[in-house]
Amino acid sequence: MGIVAKQSFRNLISTYLGFGIGAINVLIFYPMFLTSEYYGLVAFLLSAGNLFWPFMALGVHNTIVKYFSRYTLKEDVDKLFNFALLLPLGLGVLLAFVGVLVYDSLLNYFEGENDLVQPYVWGIFVIAMTTAYFEIFFAWAKVYYKSVFGTLMRELFHRIAISILLIFLYFEFIDVSLFIYLLILVFFLRTLVMMVYALRLYTPRFSFELPRELKDIISYSLLIFIAGTVAVALFDLDKVMIEYFMPIEHVSIYGIAIYIATVIAVPSKAMHQITNPITAKYLNSQDFLLLKDLYVRSSNTLFLISGLIFTLIVTNVYQLYQIIPEPYRIGVSIVFLISLVKLSDNILGNNNSIVFNSKYYKTILLVGLIVVGIAFLLNMWLIPTFGIYGAAYATFISFMMYNIFKLIFVKITFGIHPFNKKSLYISIIISLLSLSFYFWDFTTGHVLVNIILKSIMITSLYLIASLKGELSKDLSKFYHLIFKKKTP
């Protein structure tokens, strides 16, 4: 588990740095350096590219992780990697051909108020295609337990590059048109760098031979693609339906609350990069003792880290909203509900890796589709009644149902669960600190100072309790390694 703790910590740092730089870009640089029209154009291009790249990858990046550890012969590994490289290329060529045929229709679609998009429509395809290949090469690195560099490239590279480009734009070293072209180029360069890194780890012999178990591989890729679509639908459905039922400004109010709560999801995202291929290996080798150990320890570690973030958000939320402009200050309870959802995701540890790398992934996929349907009906019912709070209620209920089902499913199917006595102790610490610090704040007259002082106090108490109780073996070992240069 040492490799998990080490790489997860580094991935965590990279992800939070990326989150911070992204926040600076979104909240400061874009509004300051771009007109609202061009800001909207950039947001549209990036969102459209992120929306379409899964259709080009078609789940093959997850297929690499699942099937790699099954193959012991170099020939089989080469065929798997070649398939992963050729499938998106074939889909990309097909979509490009269709795009050429309907290009004039696309341009006509963006006539009128959105004609600013017309010169850059092709950029959506480039961003989608390069992102698909980036994820494939990232998966390529992950199966060799090398996730840190890929996380740096995914979370930091393009955000730092965009920050630099925005500064160049501000000082008029480039114009806005060149800025858009260079922004698209950033995604190409990111993929190129990741490709070189992946090929240095392992270079397959190229051929057009198809891997064995091709039918299973294609079936798994398609179903995992659908599963990813389910995850996106669960997370974004509420915002779409708010826009349908309410004025569009409510989407931004709700979005800020979601953005704050999403910070809690970062530890799980960081650890997933390394636990996913390890989980697949244990499942393929049917080493259920190691699988159970990874399940429990990943849950303890993620619960402990995300619990601190949850406590800091909940206890500082009212002060935090004092920084945000007045029209956006009605989402406090939304932050609490979505924070609980994200905390529950972390408590499950590597549960997602277990269910989606096992032979039972079709069952979870079916349940996911049912939950999306339930979420849709809940939003239809609750948003007209409770407004944006109704969307939060619907999201909370849907996600909690889904997580509880996955927890029970793994217990019934594999006979394991992620809980131990330390899970109870972590719950008690989170509850006590949250209740103790929720109802009062420092009164220095400066909101940021109040938040910092309270956060230092909470973090100190939390860390003392965590380290004294050794509530996570991996974090305790990491602490002693860094600060005491020895293990307990």
Foldseek 3Di string as FASTA:
>chain_A
DLLLLVQLVLLLVLQVVLLVLVCCCVVPLCVVQHPPLLSVLVVVLLVLLVVCLCVLQLQLLLLCLQCVLVDDDLVQNLQSLQCSVVRSVVVLVVVVVVCVVCVVVVCVVCPDPRNVNNVPPVLSSLSSSLVSLLSNLLSLCLLVSRNNVSSNLVRPQLSVVLVVLSVCSNVPVDDSVVSVVVSSVSSNVSSVVSNVVSVVVPPGDDDPDHHPVNVVSSVLSNLVSLVVVLVCLLVCVLLVLLVVPHPNVVSVLLVVLLSLLCSLLSSLVSSCSRVLSVLSNCQSVVVLVVVQVQQQQQLLVSLLVSLLSLLLCLLLVQLVLVVPDPVSNPCNVLSNLSNVLSSLVSNRGCLVSNCSSHPNVVVLSVVSVVLSVQLNVQSVPQCVPPNSVSNSVSSSVSSVVSSVVSQVVCCVPSVHHRDDVLVVVSVVLSVVSSVVRNPDWDPPVDSVVRSVVSSVVSVVVSVVSCLVVVSRVNVVQVCCCVPVVDGD
